[in-house]
Amino acid sequence: MGRFFSQGMDSRKLWRYSNAMTDTLPPCTECASTFTYQVDALLNCPECGHEWEQGLPADEVAVVRDSVGNVLNDGDTVTVIKDLKVKGSSFTVKVGTKVRGIRLVDGDHDIDCKVPGVGQMGLKSIFVKKVSD
């Protein structure tokens, strides 16, 4: 404690920083880490670097958009806009392949679907375009 006073830190700041570890702060809204800390009005996550205000609610439903910005929903039909190599296979999903009945999931590949001729696989939304039925 003497080290902080010798560096010119006033007692109010020292009290705030010493009590920061005993406060129960909400987990990170991005990565759910429990190692969050508060600096002034913002909460910070040391693991992913995300900053947010405590009073603001987290987005409950993430909006998934296709390559041109259309909002995707469960059950939509999309087309592939780029040749995609299937990992672990010599097969390629060709441009223009129509995929029906998509399901949105959390993760890097945010679309879970059944591609004709390939089977069940995950796609990234940046490689598809929504088809209006």
N, C-alpha and C. Protein backbone atom coordinates (compact mmCIF):
# COMPACT_ATOMS: atom_id res chain seq x y z
N MET A 1 0.81 -1.19 0.00
CA MET A 1 0.00 0.00 0.00
C MET A 1 0.86 1.26 0.00
N GLY A 2 1.99 1.21 0.67
CA GLY A 2 2.85 2.38 0.71
C GLY A 2 3.37 2.74 -0.67
N ARG A 3 3.54 1.77 -1.53
CA ARG A 3 4.04 2.02 -2.87
C ARG A 3 3.08 2.93 -3.65
N PHE A 4 1.76 2.72 -3.50
CA PHE A 4 0.79 3.53 -4.22
C PHE A 4 0.82 4.98 -3.76
N PHE A 5 0.93 5.18 -2.44
CA PHE A 5 0.95 6.55 -1.93
C PHE A 5 2.24 7.26 -2.33
N SER A 6 3.34 6.51 -2.39
CA SER A 6 4.60 7.15 -2.76
C SER A 6 4.62 7.55 -4.23
N GLN A 7 3.77 6.95 -5.05
CA GLN A 7 3.71 7.31 -6.45
C GLN A 7 2.71 8.43 -6.71
N GLY A 8 2.10 8.97 -5.68
CA GLY A 8 1.22 10.11 -5.84
C GLY A 8 -0.23 9.74 -6.07
N MET A 9 -0.66 8.49 -5.86
CA MET A 9 -2.05 8.11 -6.06
C MET A 9 -2.85 8.52 -4.83
N ASP A 10 -3.95 9.24 -5.03
CA ASP A 10 -4.73 9.68 -3.88
C ASP A 10 -5.54 8.52 -3.29
N SER A 11 -6.00 8.70 -2.07
CA SER A 11 -6.65 7.61 -1.34
C SER A 11 -7.98 7.19 -1.95
N ARG A 12 -8.71 8.11 -2.63
CA ARG A 12 -9.98 7.73 -3.25
C ARG A 12 -9.77 6.75 -4.40
N LYS A 13 -8.75 7.00 -5.23
CA LYS A 13 -8.45 6.07 -6.32
C LYS A 13 -7.98 4.73 -5.77
N LEU A 14 -7.16 4.77 -4.74
CA LEU A 14 -6.66 3.54 -4.15
C LEU A 14 -7.82 2.71 -3.60
N TRP A 15 -8.78 3.35 -2.95
CA TRP A 15 -9.94 2.64 -2.42
C TRP A 15 -10.74 2.01 -3.55
N ARG A 16 -10.92 2.75 -4.66
CA ARG A 16 -11.69 2.22 -5.79
C ARG A 16 -11.01 1.00 -6.39
N TYR A 17 -9.69 1.05 -6.56
CA TYR A 17 -8.99 -0.08 -7.16
C TYR A 17 -8.89 -1.26 -6.20
N SER A 18 -8.77 -1.01 -4.91
CA SER A 18 -8.68 -2.13 -3.96
C SER A 18 -10.02 -2.83 -3.80
N ASN A 19 -11.13 -2.11 -3.97
CA ASN A 19 -12.44 -2.73 -3.86
C ASN A 19 -12.93 -3.32 -5.17
N ALA A 20 -12.23 -3.09 -6.26
CA ALA A 20 -12.67 -3.59 -7.57
C ALA A 20 -12.68 -5.11 -7.62
N MET A 21 -11.81 -5.76 -6.89
CA MET A 21 -11.75 -7.21 -6.92
C MET A 21 -12.87 -7.85 -6.11
N THR A 22 -13.47 -7.10 -5.18
CA THR A 22 -14.54 -7.68 -4.37
C THR A 22 -15.91 -7.44 -4.99
N ASP A 23 -16.01 -6.54 -5.95
CA ASP A 23 -17.29 -6.28 -6.62
C ASP A 23 -17.66 -7.48 -7.49
N THR A 24 -18.95 -7.74 -7.62
CA THR A 24 -19.40 -8.78 -8.53
C THR A 24 -19.87 -8.11 -9.81
N LEU A 25 -19.07 -8.22 -10.83
CA LEU A 25 -19.37 -7.62 -12.12
C LEU A 25 -19.94 -8.67 -13.06
N PRO A 26 -20.77 -8.26 -14.00
CA PRO A 26 -21.33 -9.23 -14.94
C PRO A 26 -20.25 -9.78 -15.87
N PRO A 27 -20.44 -10.98 -16.41
CA PRO A 27 -19.46 -11.53 -17.34
C PRO A 27 -19.46 -10.76 -18.66
N CYS A 28 -18.43 -10.96 -19.44
CA CYS A 28 -18.29 -10.30 -20.74
C CYS A 28 -19.45 -10.69 -21.65
N THR A 29 -19.99 -9.71 -22.36
CA THR A 29 -21.11 -9.98 -23.26
C THR A 29 -20.66 -10.62 -24.57
N GLU A 30 -19.37 -10.60 -24.86
CA GLU A 30 -18.86 -11.20 -26.10
C GLU A 30 -18.39 -12.64 -25.89
N CYS A 31 -17.53 -12.84 -24.87
CA CYS A 31 -16.91 -14.16 -24.69
C CYS A 31 -17.33 -14.85 -23.40
N ALA A 32 -18.15 -14.22 -22.57
CA ALA A 32 -18.66 -14.76 -21.31
C ALA A 32 -17.58 -14.98 -20.26
N SER A 33 -16.46 -14.29 -20.38
CA SER A 33 -15.39 -14.38 -19.39
C SER A 33 -15.84 -13.73 -18.09
N THR A 34 -15.43 -14.31 -16.96
CA THR A 34 -15.79 -13.75 -15.66
C THR A 34 -14.70 -12.83 -15.12
N PHE A 35 -13.64 -12.60 -15.87
CA PHE A 35 -12.54 -11.76 -15.43
C PHE A 35 -12.72 -10.30 -15.84
N THR A 36 -13.93 -9.79 -15.76
CA THR A 36 -14.19 -8.41 -16.17
C THR A 36 -13.75 -7.45 -15.07
N TYR A 37 -13.42 -6.24 -15.48
CA TYR A 37 -13.06 -5.19 -14.54
C TYR A 37 -13.64 -3.88 -15.04
N GLN A 38 -13.73 -2.90 -14.14
CA GLN A 38 -14.36 -1.63 -14.47
C GLN A 38 -13.33 -0.52 -14.46
N VAL A 39 -13.38 0.32 -15.51
CA VAL A 39 -12.58 1.54 -15.57
C VAL A 39 -13.56 2.66 -15.86
N ASP A 40 -13.73 3.54 -14.88
CA ASP A 40 -14.70 4.63 -14.94
C ASP A 40 -16.09 4.05 -15.22
N ALA A 41 -16.74 4.44 -16.33
CA ALA A 41 -18.11 3.97 -16.60
C ALA A 41 -18.14 2.71 -17.46
N LEU A 42 -16.99 2.26 -17.96
CA LEU A 42 -16.95 1.12 -18.87
C LEU A 42 -16.51 -0.15 -18.15
N LEU A 43 -17.08 -1.26 -18.57
CA LEU A 43 -16.61 -2.58 -18.15
C LEU A 43 -15.70 -3.10 -19.25
N ASN A 44 -14.63 -3.78 -18.86
CA ASN A 44 -13.64 -4.28 -19.81
C ASN A 44 -13.40 -5.76 -19.61
N CYS A 45 -13.09 -6.44 -20.70
CA CYS A 45 -12.74 -7.86 -20.65
C CYS A 45 -11.27 -8.00 -21.06
N PRO A 46 -10.41 -8.52 -20.18
CA PRO A 46 -9.01 -8.67 -20.54
C PRO A 46 -8.75 -9.79 -21.53
N GLU A 47 -9.68 -10.72 -21.68
CA GLU A 47 -9.46 -11.86 -22.57
C GLU A 47 -9.73 -11.53 -24.03
N CYS A 48 -10.83 -10.82 -24.31
CA CYS A 48 -11.15 -10.51 -25.71
C CYS A 48 -11.02 -9.02 -26.04
N GLY A 49 -10.84 -8.17 -25.02
CA GLY A 49 -10.66 -6.75 -25.25
C GLY A 49 -11.95 -5.97 -25.45
N HIS A 50 -13.09 -6.60 -25.20
CA HIS A 50 -14.38 -5.94 -25.41
C HIS A 50 -14.65 -4.93 -24.30
N GLU A 51 -15.21 -3.76 -24.67
CA GLU A 51 -15.62 -2.74 -23.70
C GLU A 51 -17.10 -2.47 -23.88
N TRP A 52 -17.82 -2.29 -22.76
CA TRP A 52 -19.25 -1.99 -22.84
C TRP A 52 -19.68 -1.25 -21.58
N GLU A 53 -20.84 -0.60 -21.67
CA GLU A 53 -21.40 0.08 -20.52
C GLU A 53 -22.28 -0.90 -19.76
N GLN A 54 -22.22 -0.83 -18.44
CA GLN A 54 -22.94 -1.80 -17.62
C GLN A 54 -24.44 -1.65 -17.74
N GLY A 55 -24.96 -0.45 -17.91
CA GLY A 55 -26.39 -0.24 -17.96
C GLY A 55 -27.04 -0.69 -19.25
N LEU A 56 -26.29 -0.84 -20.31
CA LEU A 56 -26.86 -1.20 -21.60
C LEU A 56 -27.08 -2.71 -21.67
N PRO A 57 -28.25 -3.15 -22.14
CA PRO A 57 -28.48 -4.59 -22.28
C PRO A 57 -27.68 -5.15 -23.45
N ALA A 58 -27.26 -6.38 -23.31
CA ALA A 58 -26.55 -7.05 -24.40
C ALA A 58 -27.54 -7.44 -25.49
N ASP A 59 -27.08 -7.50 -26.70
CA ASP A 59 -27.94 -7.93 -27.80
C ASP A 59 -28.30 -9.39 -27.56
N GLU A 60 -29.58 -9.65 -27.39
CA GLU A 60 -30.03 -11.01 -27.10
C GLU A 60 -30.00 -11.88 -28.35
N VAL A 61 -30.39 -11.31 -29.47
CA VAL A 61 -30.45 -12.06 -30.71
C VAL A 61 -29.47 -11.43 -31.70
N ALA A 62 -28.49 -12.20 -32.12
CA ALA A 62 -27.54 -11.71 -33.10
C ALA A 62 -28.19 -11.75 -34.48
N VAL A 63 -28.03 -10.68 -35.22
CA VAL A 63 -28.59 -10.61 -36.56
C VAL A 63 -27.55 -11.15 -37.53
N VAL A 64 -27.94 -12.12 -38.33
CA VAL A 64 -27.05 -12.71 -39.33
C VAL A 64 -27.45 -12.16 -40.68
N ARG A 65 -26.46 -11.63 -41.40
CA ARG A 65 -26.71 -11.04 -42.72
C ARG A 65 -25.93 -11.80 -43.78
N ASP A 66 -26.47 -11.81 -45.01
CA ASP A 66 -25.78 -12.48 -46.11
C ASP A 66 -24.74 -11.54 -46.70
N SER A 67 -24.17 -11.92 -47.83
CA SER A 67 -23.07 -11.16 -48.43
C SER A 67 -23.47 -9.77 -48.90
N VAL A 68 -24.74 -9.54 -49.16
CA VAL A 68 -25.19 -8.22 -49.62
C VAL A 68 -25.95 -7.45 -48.55
N GLY A 69 -26.03 -7.99 -47.34
CA GLY A 69 -26.65 -7.29 -46.23
C GLY A 69 -28.08 -7.64 -45.91
N ASN A 70 -28.66 -8.62 -46.60
CA ASN A 70 -30.02 -9.05 -46.28
C ASN A 70 -30.02 -9.85 -44.98
N VAL A 71 -31.03 -9.64 -44.16
CA VAL A 71 -31.15 -10.37 -42.90
C VAL A 71 -31.60 -11.80 -43.18
N LEU A 72 -30.88 -12.77 -42.62
CA LEU A 72 -31.22 -14.18 -42.80
C LEU A 72 -32.01 -14.68 -41.59
N ASN A 73 -32.95 -15.58 -41.85
CA ASN A 73 -33.77 -16.20 -40.81
C ASN A 73 -33.75 -17.71 -40.99
N ASP A 74 -34.14 -18.43 -39.95
CA ASP A 74 -34.27 -19.88 -40.06
C ASP A 74 -35.28 -20.22 -41.14
N GLY A 75 -34.96 -21.22 -41.98
CA GLY A 75 -35.87 -21.66 -43.02
C GLY A 75 -35.71 -20.95 -44.35
N ASP A 76 -34.85 -19.93 -44.43
CA ASP A 76 -34.65 -19.22 -45.69
C ASP A 76 -33.96 -20.10 -46.72
N THR A 77 -34.05 -19.66 -47.97
CA THR A 77 -33.34 -20.30 -49.07
C THR A 77 -32.23 -19.36 -49.52
N VAL A 78 -31.03 -19.90 -49.68
CA VAL A 78 -29.88 -19.10 -50.09
C VAL A 78 -29.17 -19.77 -51.26
N THR A 79 -28.37 -18.99 -51.98
CA THR A 79 -27.50 -19.54 -53.02
C THR A 79 -26.05 -19.24 -52.66
N VAL A 80 -25.16 -20.12 -53.05
CA VAL A 80 -23.74 -19.95 -52.80
C VAL A 80 -23.18 -18.99 -53.85
N ILE A 81 -22.38 -18.00 -53.43
CA ILE A 81 -21.87 -16.99 -54.36
C ILE A 81 -20.42 -17.22 -54.77
N LYS A 82 -19.79 -18.27 -54.24
CA LYS A 82 -18.39 -18.54 -54.53
C LYS A 82 -18.16 -20.04 -54.45
N ASP A 83 -17.29 -20.58 -55.30
CA ASP A 83 -16.94 -22.00 -55.20
C ASP A 83 -16.30 -22.24 -53.84
N LEU A 84 -16.83 -23.22 -53.11
CA LEU A 84 -16.34 -23.53 -51.77
C LEU A 84 -15.82 -24.95 -51.72
N LYS A 85 -14.56 -25.12 -51.34
CA LYS A 85 -13.99 -26.45 -51.18
C LYS A 85 -14.49 -27.02 -49.86
N VAL A 86 -14.90 -28.29 -49.90
CA VAL A 86 -15.37 -28.96 -48.69
C VAL A 86 -14.16 -29.53 -47.98
N LYS A 87 -13.98 -29.13 -46.72
CA LYS A 87 -12.82 -29.55 -45.95
C LYS A 87 -12.83 -31.07 -45.77
N GLY A 88 -11.70 -31.71 -46.02
CA GLY A 88 -11.58 -33.15 -45.87
C GLY A 88 -12.14 -33.95 -47.03
N SER A 89 -12.42 -33.28 -48.13
CA SER A 89 -13.01 -33.95 -49.29
C SER A 89 -12.47 -33.29 -50.55
N SER A 90 -12.62 -33.97 -51.66
CA SER A 90 -12.22 -33.38 -52.94
C SER A 90 -13.38 -32.66 -53.60
N PHE A 91 -14.54 -32.67 -52.95
CA PHE A 91 -15.75 -32.07 -53.52
C PHE A 91 -15.73 -30.56 -53.35
N THR A 92 -16.35 -29.85 -54.31
CA THR A 92 -16.48 -28.40 -54.26
C THR A 92 -17.95 -28.04 -54.42
N VAL A 93 -18.44 -27.15 -53.56
CA VAL A 93 -19.79 -26.62 -53.71
C VAL A 93 -19.70 -25.49 -54.72
N LYS A 94 -20.41 -25.63 -55.83
CA LYS A 94 -20.30 -24.69 -56.95
C LYS A 94 -21.12 -23.43 -56.73
N VAL A 95 -20.73 -22.37 -57.43
CA VAL A 95 -21.47 -21.11 -57.43
C VAL A 95 -22.89 -21.38 -57.93
N GLY A 96 -23.88 -20.78 -57.27
CA GLY A 96 -25.26 -20.93 -57.69
C GLY A 96 -25.99 -22.09 -57.07
N THR A 97 -25.30 -22.91 -56.26
CA THR A 97 -25.98 -24.02 -55.59
C THR A 97 -27.03 -23.45 -54.64
N LYS A 98 -28.26 -23.92 -54.79
CA LYS A 98 -29.36 -23.43 -53.96
C LYS A 98 -29.50 -24.33 -52.74
N VAL A 99 -29.52 -23.70 -51.58
CA VAL A 99 -29.64 -24.41 -50.31
C VAL A 99 -30.94 -23.96 -49.65
N ARG A 100 -31.82 -24.92 -49.39
CA ARG A 100 -33.14 -24.61 -48.80
C ARG A 100 -33.17 -24.96 -47.32
N GLY A 101 -33.99 -24.23 -46.59
CA GLY A 101 -34.23 -24.54 -45.18
C GLY A 101 -33.01 -24.42 -44.29
N ILE A 102 -32.34 -23.28 -44.33
CA ILE A 102 -31.15 -23.10 -43.50
C ILE A 102 -31.54 -22.96 -42.04
N ARG A 103 -30.57 -23.22 -41.17
CA ARG A 103 -30.77 -23.04 -39.73
C ARG A 103 -29.60 -22.21 -39.22
N LEU A 104 -29.90 -21.12 -38.51
CA LEU A 104 -28.87 -20.24 -37.99
C LEU A 104 -28.36 -20.77 -36.65
N VAL A 105 -27.05 -20.80 -36.50
CA VAL A 105 -26.41 -21.29 -35.28
C VAL A 105 -25.33 -20.30 -34.85
N ASP A 106 -24.91 -20.39 -33.59
CA ASP A 106 -23.81 -19.57 -33.10
C ASP A 106 -22.50 -20.20 -33.53
N GLY A 107 -21.51 -19.37 -33.76
CA GLY A 107 -20.20 -19.88 -34.10
C GLY A 107 -19.64 -19.23 -35.34
N ASP A 108 -18.49 -19.72 -35.77
CA ASP A 108 -17.81 -19.17 -36.93
C ASP A 108 -18.60 -19.42 -38.21
N HIS A 109 -19.08 -20.62 -38.39
CA HIS A 109 -19.95 -20.96 -39.51
C HIS A 109 -21.38 -20.82 -39.01
N ASP A 110 -22.02 -19.70 -39.34
CA ASP A 110 -23.29 -19.37 -38.70
C ASP A 110 -24.52 -19.93 -39.40
N ILE A 111 -24.34 -20.74 -40.43
CA ILE A 111 -25.47 -21.39 -41.11
C ILE A 111 -25.24 -22.89 -41.09
N ASP A 112 -26.22 -23.62 -40.60
CA ASP A 112 -26.20 -25.08 -40.64
C ASP A 112 -27.23 -25.50 -41.67
N CYS A 113 -26.83 -26.33 -42.63
CA CYS A 113 -27.75 -26.65 -43.73
C CYS A 113 -27.38 -28.00 -44.35
N LYS A 114 -28.25 -28.45 -45.24
CA LYS A 114 -28.02 -29.66 -46.00
C LYS A 114 -27.84 -29.24 -47.46
N VAL A 115 -26.62 -29.37 -47.97
CA VAL A 115 -26.30 -28.98 -49.34
C VAL A 115 -26.58 -30.16 -50.26
N PRO A 116 -27.34 -29.94 -51.34
CA PRO A 116 -27.63 -31.03 -52.27
C PRO A 116 -26.35 -31.65 -52.84
N GLY A 117 -26.24 -32.95 -52.77
CA GLY A 117 -25.09 -33.66 -53.30
C GLY A 117 -23.92 -33.75 -52.34
N VAL A 118 -23.96 -33.01 -51.24
CA VAL A 118 -22.85 -33.02 -50.27
C VAL A 118 -23.32 -33.57 -48.94
N GLY A 119 -24.44 -33.06 -48.45
CA GLY A 119 -24.96 -33.46 -47.16
C GLY A 119 -24.91 -32.32 -46.16
N GLN A 120 -24.95 -32.67 -44.90
CA GLN A 120 -24.99 -31.69 -43.81
C GLN A 120 -23.65 -30.98 -43.71
N MET A 121 -23.68 -29.64 -43.63
CA MET A 121 -22.45 -28.87 -43.46
C MET A 121 -22.76 -27.48 -42.93
N GLY A 122 -21.73 -26.80 -42.48
CA GLY A 122 -21.84 -25.44 -42.00
C GLY A 122 -21.30 -24.48 -43.04
N LEU A 123 -21.97 -23.35 -43.20
CA LEU A 123 -21.54 -22.32 -44.14
C LEU A 123 -21.39 -20.99 -43.42
N LYS A 124 -20.52 -20.15 -43.93
CA LYS A 124 -20.42 -18.79 -43.43
C LYS A 124 -21.39 -17.93 -44.22
N SER A 125 -22.02 -17.00 -43.54
CA SER A 125 -23.04 -16.17 -44.20
C SER A 125 -22.44 -15.24 -45.24
N ILE A 126 -21.14 -14.99 -45.21
CA ILE A 126 -20.53 -14.10 -46.20
C ILE A 126 -20.42 -14.76 -47.58
N PHE A 127 -20.63 -16.07 -47.65
CA PHE A 127 -20.54 -16.78 -48.92
C PHE A 127 -21.88 -17.15 -49.51
N VAL A 128 -22.97 -16.60 -48.97
CA VAL A 128 -24.30 -16.91 -49.49
C VAL A 128 -25.07 -15.63 -49.75
N LYS A 129 -26.11 -15.77 -50.58
CA LYS A 129 -27.01 -14.66 -50.89
C LYS A 129 -28.43 -15.17 -50.75
N LYS A 130 -29.27 -14.40 -50.07
CA LYS A 130 -30.65 -14.80 -49.84
C LYS A 130 -31.43 -14.78 -51.14
N VAL A 131 -32.26 -15.82 -51.34
CA VAL A 131 -33.11 -15.92 -52.52
C VAL A 131 -34.52 -15.56 -52.09
N SER A 132 -35.13 -14.61 -52.80
CA SER A 132 -36.51 -14.27 -52.48
C SER A 132 -37.42 -15.27 -53.17
N ASP A 133 -38.28 -15.91 -52.38
CA ASP A 133 -39.17 -16.96 -52.91
C ASP A 133 -40.37 -16.38 -53.59
